[in-house]
Amino acid sequence: MVELGPLFFILAFFLGASFGSFACAAASRTEAGAKWWGTERSRCDSCGAALAPRDLVPVLSFLALRGRCRFCGARIPRSCLAAELACGALCAMFLWRFGASYSFIFSSASLPFLAFHTITDADTGYIYDSWAFAMTGAALLLRLAGGLPAALDGAAGAAAGFAFIYAIIFLSRGRMGTGDAVLMLGIGAFTGLKLAAAALYIGFMAGGVTALVLLAAKKVTRKSAVPLGPFLCAGCAAAMLFGGKLTEYFGFTVPWPWAV
C-alpha cells in the first residue's frame, strides 16, 4: 500500500465533510417537503436568503460565521456541523484503512446515505424508503466493478439484513418500524453478507448500551422509542472499517472490496 502524506487525509476529510453537508441540506429539505435537487439554491432555513459559496464551505464556514446566518443571525443547526465533522472523520479513516484504492471510493460513497438516514431518523423517527432504495442501487452498481460475485454478495447482504430486521418486526407485532428493514437493504448492499452481520451486531449493541445509559440518566422511559437507524448506520461504518480484520481474526475471509 502506497504511503500517503497528510495532505491526502486533509482532502479526504473535506470530501467527507462535503458529503455530510449535502446530506444535512437534503435531509432538512426532505423533512420539510421541499425540493433539494436540480437548480435549487442553498438557502437559510430561517430567512430564506440564498447562500453564497463562501457560506457553504464545510466546517470552515460554520466557524467563520460563528454558527450563525450571515444575513439574519439565526443559529445554524449544530447537527449540520456534527454531520460534516463525522463524515469528514470517517472519510479520512477510510483512506487510512484502505489507502488510495477502489475500496476507499466504495466505502466513501456510503457516507451521504448514512448521514441522511441518521439525521432523518434522529429528527423525525422516519426512514425514507426512496433514499434506502437509492442507497441499495448505488451499492449494487458500484459492486459491478468487482464482477458478478461481488454483486451477488451485495444482494445477499441486502436480503439477509432486510430479512433479519423484518423477522424482528413480525415477532414484535409491529412495535418496530419497517423503515429499519428497508434501511438494511442499503447497508447490506454496501457491506455484503458477512459484514452485514457485523453491522447488525454493532448497531444493536450500540443502540442497547445507549438506551440503557439514557434510561439510567432518566432521559427516556421504558416506553420511549429510541431510533435504531443511527445505530445501524454507525454499525455499517464500523463494519466497513474494522469488520474485515475482525472476521479474519476469527478465521473467516471477507470478499471484495473488503479484502485489503
Protein backbone atom coordinates (compact mmCIF):
# COMPACT_ATOMS: atom_id res chain seq x y z
CA MET A 1 0.00 0.00 0.00
CA VAL A 2 1.36 3.41 -1.01
CA GLU A 3 2.13 5.68 1.95
CA LEU A 4 0.02 8.82 1.83
CA GLY A 5 1.01 12.22 3.16
CA PRO A 6 -1.07 14.48 5.45
CA LEU A 7 -2.45 16.47 2.50
CA PHE A 8 -4.33 13.43 1.22
CA PHE A 9 -6.02 12.94 4.58
CA ILE A 10 -6.97 16.62 4.72
CA LEU A 11 -8.50 16.34 1.25
CA ALA A 12 -10.31 13.15 2.29
CA PHE A 13 -11.66 14.94 5.36
CA PHE A 14 -13.11 17.78 3.31
CA LEU A 15 -14.53 15.33 0.76
CA GLY A 16 -16.36 13.53 3.55
CA ALA A 17 -17.39 16.83 5.14
CA SER A 18 -18.90 17.86 1.79
CA PHE A 19 -20.92 14.64 1.79
CA GLY A 20 -22.12 15.45 5.31
CA SER A 21 -23.07 19.00 4.32
CA PHE A 22 -25.03 17.73 1.32
CA ALA A 23 -26.80 15.08 3.42
CA CYS A 24 -27.77 17.66 6.05
CA ALA A 25 -29.25 20.02 3.45
CA ALA A 26 -31.06 17.18 1.66
CA ALA A 27 -32.44 15.82 4.94
CA SER A 28 -33.67 19.23 6.07
CA ARG A 29 -35.50 19.87 2.80
CA THR A 30 -36.86 16.36 2.54
CA GLU A 31 -38.32 16.64 6.04
CA ALA A 32 -39.90 19.95 5.04
CA GLY A 33 -41.26 18.52 1.78
CA ALA A 34 -39.13 20.94 -0.27
CA LYS A 35 -37.09 20.35 -3.42
CA TRP A 36 -33.32 19.90 -2.93
CA TRP A 37 -32.15 18.79 -6.38
CA GLY A 38 -31.65 20.46 -9.76
CA THR A 39 -31.09 24.22 -9.84
CA GLU A 40 -32.47 24.83 -6.35
CA ARG A 41 -30.15 27.17 -4.40
CA SER A 42 -28.98 26.57 -0.84
CA ARG A 43 -30.87 28.92 1.50
CA CYS A 44 -31.04 29.85 5.15
CA ASP A 45 -33.82 27.88 6.83
CA SER A 46 -34.82 30.94 8.88
CA CYS A 47 -34.81 33.90 6.47
CA GLY A 48 -34.71 32.14 3.10
CA ALA A 49 -31.71 34.13 1.84
CA ALA A 50 -29.71 32.43 -0.93
CA LEU A 51 -26.31 31.36 0.39
CA ALA A 52 -23.10 32.24 -1.41
CA PRO A 53 -20.24 29.76 -1.96
CA ARG A 54 -18.35 31.29 0.97
CA ASP A 55 -21.26 30.31 3.22
CA LEU A 56 -21.10 26.68 2.15
CA VAL A 57 -17.52 25.59 2.82
CA PRO A 58 -17.86 22.58 5.14
CA VAL A 59 -16.81 23.21 8.76
CA LEU A 60 -14.84 26.38 7.91
CA SER A 61 -17.91 28.46 7.04
CA PHE A 62 -19.61 27.43 10.29
CA LEU A 63 -16.56 28.50 12.28
CA ALA A 64 -16.08 31.74 10.33
CA LEU A 65 -19.75 32.67 10.79
CA ARG A 66 -19.67 31.58 14.44
CA GLY A 67 -22.58 29.27 13.79
CA ARG A 68 -24.97 31.99 12.61
CA CYS A 69 -26.55 33.02 9.32
CA ARG A 70 -24.68 35.92 7.70
CA PHE A 71 -27.96 37.60 6.75
CA CYS A 72 -30.35 37.22 9.69
CA GLY A 73 -28.11 36.00 12.51
CA ALA A 74 -30.17 32.86 13.13
CA ARG A 75 -28.30 29.89 14.55
CA ILE A 76 -27.13 27.31 12.05
CA PRO A 77 -28.17 23.85 13.32
CA ARG A 78 -25.29 22.22 15.14
CA SER A 79 -26.39 18.93 13.62
CA CYS A 80 -25.00 20.18 10.30
CA LEU A 81 -21.57 20.76 11.82
CA ALA A 82 -21.77 17.35 13.51
CA ALA A 83 -22.62 15.67 10.18
CA GLU A 84 -19.73 17.42 8.44
CA LEU A 85 -17.23 16.50 11.15
CA ALA A 86 -18.42 12.89 11.41
CA CYS A 87 -18.41 12.28 7.65
CA GLY A 88 -15.06 14.04 7.29
CA ALA A 89 -13.50 11.93 10.01
CA LEU A 90 -14.94 8.71 8.55
CA CYS A 91 -13.70 9.53 5.06
CA ALA A 92 -10.19 10.17 6.41
CA MET A 93 -10.40 6.88 8.34
CA PHE A 94 -11.47 5.04 5.19
CA LEU A 95 -8.37 6.43 3.45
CA TRP A 96 -6.23 5.30 6.38
CA ARG A 97 -7.80 1.83 6.30
CA PHE A 98 -7.92 1.21 2.55
CA GLY A 99 -5.40 3.62 1.05
CA ALA A 100 -5.89 5.10 -2.42
CA SER A 101 -7.98 2.20 -3.70
CA TYR A 102 -11.42 1.35 -5.04
CA SER A 103 -12.30 0.18 -1.54
CA PHE A 104 -11.84 3.77 -0.36
CA ILE A 105 -14.10 5.09 -3.14
CA PHE A 106 -16.69 2.39 -2.45
CA SER A 107 -16.84 2.92 1.31
CA SER A 108 -16.84 6.73 0.98
CA ALA A 109 -19.82 6.55 -1.37
CA SER A 110 -21.92 5.25 1.52
CA LEU A 111 -21.40 8.39 3.61
CA PRO A 112 -24.11 10.66 2.12
CA PHE A 113 -26.68 7.90 2.61
CA LEU A 114 -25.56 7.02 6.15
CA ALA A 115 -25.59 10.68 7.17
CA PHE A 116 -29.01 11.31 5.60
CA HIS A 117 -30.65 8.34 7.33
CA THR A 118 -29.01 9.19 10.64
CA ILE A 119 -30.31 12.77 10.52
CA THR A 120 -33.87 12.00 9.42
CA ASP A 121 -34.35 9.10 11.82
CA ALA A 122 -32.93 11.10 14.73
CA ASP A 123 -35.06 14.15 13.84
CA THR A 124 -38.36 12.56 12.90
CA GLY A 125 -38.07 8.82 13.59
CA TYR A 126 -38.63 8.21 9.88
CA ILE A 127 -36.56 6.32 7.29
CA TYR A 128 -37.25 7.48 3.73
CA ASP A 129 -37.70 4.45 1.50
CA SER A 130 -36.61 6.33 -1.63
CA TRP A 131 -33.19 7.04 -0.12
CA ALA A 132 -32.84 3.47 1.15
CA PHE A 133 -33.62 2.12 -2.32
CA ALA A 134 -31.23 4.64 -3.90
CA MET A 135 -28.55 3.51 -1.45
CA THR A 136 -29.15 -0.11 -2.43
CA GLY A 137 -28.99 0.69 -6.14
CA ALA A 138 -25.82 2.76 -5.77
CA ALA A 139 -24.09 -0.02 -3.82
CA LEU A 140 -25.01 -2.74 -6.30
CA LEU A 141 -23.94 -0.54 -9.22
CA LEU A 142 -20.57 0.16 -7.61
CA ARG A 143 -20.16 -3.56 -6.89
CA LEU A 144 -20.23 -4.33 -10.62
CA ALA A 145 -16.57 -3.29 -10.68
CA GLY A 146 -15.85 -6.46 -8.71
CA GLY A 147 -17.77 -8.69 -11.09
CA LEU A 148 -20.78 -10.94 -10.60
CA PRO A 149 -19.60 -12.49 -7.28
CA ALA A 150 -19.33 -9.02 -5.71
CA ALA A 151 -22.80 -8.05 -6.94
CA LEU A 152 -24.28 -11.29 -5.61
CA ASP A 153 -22.59 -10.73 -2.24
CA GLY A 154 -24.19 -7.30 -2.07
CA ALA A 155 -27.59 -8.72 -2.98
CA ALA A 156 -27.19 -11.43 -0.35
CA GLY A 157 -26.22 -8.87 2.29
CA ALA A 158 -29.24 -6.71 1.41
CA ALA A 159 -31.62 -9.67 1.55
CA ALA A 160 -30.20 -11.01 4.83
CA GLY A 161 -30.23 -7.62 6.53
CA PHE A 162 -33.81 -6.94 5.45
CA ALA A 163 -34.97 -10.43 6.49
CA PHE A 164 -33.36 -10.19 9.93
CA ILE A 165 -35.00 -6.87 10.80
CA TYR A 166 -38.32 -7.87 9.26
CA ALA A 167 -38.33 -11.04 11.38
CA ILE A 168 -37.99 -8.86 14.49
CA ILE A 169 -40.84 -6.66 13.25
CA PHE A 170 -43.02 -9.72 12.75
CA LEU A 171 -42.19 -11.20 16.16
CA SER A 172 -42.72 -7.87 17.90
CA ARG A 173 -46.09 -7.48 16.16
CA GLY A 174 -45.25 -4.15 14.58
CA ARG A 175 -43.64 -2.47 17.58
CA MET A 176 -40.61 -1.82 15.39
CA GLY A 177 -40.92 0.26 12.21
CA THR A 178 -40.44 -1.25 8.76
CA GLY A 179 -38.11 1.62 7.85
CA ASP A 180 -35.20 -0.08 9.64
CA ALA A 181 -35.68 -3.18 7.49
CA VAL A 182 -35.62 -1.09 4.31
CA LEU A 183 -32.52 0.72 5.60
CA MET A 184 -30.78 -2.64 5.98
CA LEU A 185 -31.28 -3.22 2.26
CA GLY A 186 -28.88 -0.37 1.58
CA ILE A 187 -26.50 -1.21 4.39
CA GLY A 188 -26.36 -4.88 3.42
CA ALA A 189 -25.78 -4.00 -0.23
CA PHE A 190 -22.75 -1.94 0.76
CA THR A 191 -21.31 -4.32 3.34
CA GLY A 192 -22.06 -7.66 1.74
CA LEU A 193 -23.31 -10.74 3.58
CA LYS A 194 -20.59 -11.26 6.19
CA LEU A 195 -20.13 -7.63 7.16
CA ALA A 196 -23.91 -7.11 7.26
CA ALA A 197 -23.91 -9.44 10.28
CA ALA A 198 -21.15 -7.34 11.86
CA ALA A 199 -23.07 -4.12 11.14
CA LEU A 200 -26.22 -5.54 12.75
CA TYR A 201 -24.35 -6.74 15.82
CA ILE A 202 -22.50 -3.46 16.34
CA GLY A 203 -25.64 -1.43 15.66
CA PHE A 204 -27.80 -3.35 18.14
CA MET A 205 -25.08 -3.34 20.79
CA ALA A 206 -24.50 0.42 20.43
CA GLY A 207 -28.24 1.08 20.48
CA GLY A 208 -28.77 -1.11 23.53
CA VAL A 209 -25.95 0.47 25.51
CA THR A 210 -27.14 3.98 24.60
CA ALA A 211 -30.71 3.15 25.62
CA LEU A 212 -29.51 1.83 28.99
CA VAL A 213 -27.45 4.97 29.60
CA LEU A 214 -30.39 7.22 28.71
CA LEU A 215 -32.68 5.13 30.90
CA ALA A 216 -30.27 5.36 33.83
CA ALA A 217 -30.00 9.12 33.32
CA LYS A 218 -33.82 9.31 33.23
CA LYS A 219 -33.72 10.92 29.78
CA VAL A 220 -36.11 8.28 28.47
CA THR A 221 -38.56 5.78 29.93
CA ARG A 222 -39.02 2.10 29.12
CA LYS A 223 -41.85 3.06 26.80
CA SER A 224 -39.80 5.69 24.92
CA ALA A 225 -38.91 4.95 21.32
CA VAL A 226 -35.18 5.21 20.62
CA PRO A 227 -34.49 5.35 16.85
CA LEU A 228 -32.41 2.41 15.67
CA GLY A 229 -31.42 3.85 12.29
CA PRO A 230 -28.48 5.97 13.52
CA PHE A 231 -27.01 2.96 15.31
CA LEU A 232 -27.38 0.72 12.26
CA CYS A 233 -25.61 3.40 10.21
CA ALA A 234 -22.84 3.59 12.81
CA GLY A 235 -22.61 -0.20 12.72
CA CYS A 236 -22.26 -0.08 8.94
CA ALA A 237 -19.37 2.40 9.12
CA ALA A 238 -17.66 0.40 11.88
CA ALA A 239 -18.10 -2.86 9.95
CA MET A 240 -16.52 -1.35 6.83
CA LEU A 241 -13.59 -0.05 8.85
CA PHE A 242 -12.90 -2.97 11.17
CA GLY A 243 -15.19 -5.84 10.17
CA GLY A 244 -12.71 -7.36 7.75
CA LYS A 245 -9.94 -7.55 10.34
CA LEU A 246 -12.40 -8.85 12.95
CA THR A 247 -13.67 -11.69 10.78
CA GLU A 248 -10.13 -12.59 9.74
CA TYR A 249 -9.20 -12.82 13.42
CA PHE A 250 -11.87 -15.50 13.84
CA GLY A 251 -10.63 -17.38 10.78
CA PHE A 252 -13.10 -16.10 8.19
CA THR A 253 -12.21 -14.31 4.99
CA VAL A 254 -14.11 -11.39 3.53
CA PRO A 255 -14.68 -10.93 -0.20
CA TRP A 256 -14.03 -7.91 -2.42
CA PRO A 257 -13.87 -4.99 -1.77
CA TRP A 258 -13.02 -5.53 1.91
CA ALA A 259 -10.12 -7.99 1.50
CA VAL A 260 -7.44 -5.29 1.72
